[in-house]
Amino acid sequence: MTNASMTFGRPARLTIPRGALWFANGAAMLIEALRRLDRWQLNAGKHEPRTPDEVLEWATRIEHREPGFASDLRAAALRAMDGVGR
């Protein structure tokens, strides 16, 4: 018995098509840019007032749309301002 090697056709080589890596990198960059844009837009409207003065400004801005909520905000801000002076 002899050790003979047998080959069946050419060995399979995986070749990446020309430009595929550029396309993949470009697609990844585009997806990341869209994700950043989405996060920026979601966070843009999340400004929360932190001081009683900011709450009063917010109440003034929304008074024409939601007068009841604006009056509640105004009352809470004035209570907080009154409590600070004590």
Protein backbone atom coordinates (compact mmCIF):
# COMPACT_ATOMS: atom_id res chain seq x y z
CA MET A 1 0.00 0.00 0.00
CA THR A 2 1.20 3.46 -0.85
CA ASN A 3 0.28 6.84 0.41
CA ALA A 4 -1.13 8.54 -2.61
CA SER A 5 -2.78 11.87 -2.49
CA MET A 6 -5.88 12.41 -4.45
CA THR A 7 -7.14 15.78 -5.61
CA PHE A 8 -10.67 16.33 -6.76
CA GLY A 9 -10.70 19.50 -8.77
CA ARG A 10 -9.25 22.76 -7.61
CA PRO A 11 -9.14 23.64 -3.91
CA ALA A 12 -11.98 25.98 -3.00
CA ARG A 13 -10.79 29.47 -2.28
CA LEU A 14 -13.07 32.08 -0.89
CA THR A 15 -12.42 35.38 -2.58
CA ILE A 16 -14.15 38.53 -1.54
CA PRO A 17 -15.54 40.38 -4.56
CA ARG A 18 -13.82 43.60 -5.50
CA GLY A 19 -15.40 46.58 -3.73
CA ALA A 20 -17.39 44.48 -1.27
CA LEU A 21 -15.35 45.64 1.71
CA TRP A 22 -15.79 49.27 0.68
CA PHE A 23 -19.51 48.76 0.32
CA ALA A 24 -19.74 47.01 3.71
CA ASN A 25 -17.76 49.76 5.44
CA GLY A 26 -19.84 52.46 3.76
CA ALA A 27 -23.08 50.74 4.78
CA ALA A 28 -21.83 50.40 8.37
CA MET A 29 -20.91 54.10 8.46
CA LEU A 30 -24.32 55.07 7.07
CA ILE A 31 -26.15 52.92 9.62
CA GLU A 32 -24.10 54.40 12.48
CA ALA A 33 -24.80 57.93 11.22
CA LEU A 34 -28.53 57.21 11.09
CA ARG A 35 -28.42 55.82 14.62
CA ARG A 36 -26.66 58.97 15.87
CA LEU A 37 -29.21 61.16 14.09
CA ASP A 38 -32.04 59.17 15.67
CA ARG A 39 -30.53 59.48 19.16
CA TRP A 40 -29.99 63.21 18.63
CA GLN A 41 -33.60 63.75 17.56
CA LEU A 42 -34.96 61.71 20.46
CA ASN A 43 -32.85 63.59 22.99
CA ALA A 44 -33.54 67.03 21.49
CA GLY A 45 -37.06 67.16 22.92
CA LYS A 46 -36.13 65.91 26.36
CA HIS A 47 -35.16 69.18 28.01
CA GLU A 48 -36.49 68.90 31.53
CA PRO A 49 -36.73 72.03 33.66
CA ARG A 50 -34.60 71.77 36.76
CA THR A 51 -35.30 75.02 38.60
CA PRO A 52 -38.55 76.74 39.56
CA ASP A 53 -37.73 79.56 37.11
CA GLU A 54 -37.41 77.07 34.26
CA VAL A 55 -40.74 75.51 35.28
CA LEU A 56 -42.37 78.95 35.16
CA GLU A 57 -40.95 79.53 31.66
CA TRP A 58 -42.24 76.13 30.58
CA ALA A 59 -45.70 76.90 31.98
CA THR A 60 -45.75 80.16 30.02
CA ARG A 61 -44.79 78.35 26.79
CA ILE A 62 -47.51 75.68 27.06
CA GLU A 63 -50.29 77.84 28.53
CA HIS A 64 -52.10 78.32 25.19
CA ARG A 65 -52.13 74.53 24.53
CA GLU A 66 -52.70 73.17 28.04
CA PRO A 67 -53.91 75.86 30.44
CA GLY A 68 -54.78 73.48 33.29
CA PHE A 69 -51.38 71.79 33.27
CA ALA A 70 -49.65 75.15 32.99
CA SER A 71 -51.46 76.45 36.07
CA ASP A 72 -50.47 73.31 37.99
CA LEU A 73 -46.85 73.80 36.96
CA ARG A 74 -46.97 77.45 37.91
CA ALA A 75 -48.43 76.62 41.36
CA ALA A 76 -45.78 73.97 42.00
CA ALA A 77 -42.98 76.33 40.94
CA LEU A 78 -44.29 79.13 43.17
CA ARG A 79 -44.58 76.71 46.10
CA ALA A 80 -40.99 75.62 45.52
CA MET A 81 -39.83 79.23 45.32
CA ASP A 82 -41.67 80.07 48.54
CA GLY A 83 -40.07 77.07 50.27
CA VAL A 84 -36.59 78.13 49.20
CA GLY A 85 -36.87 81.53 50.91
CA ARG A 86 -37.76 80.03 54.29
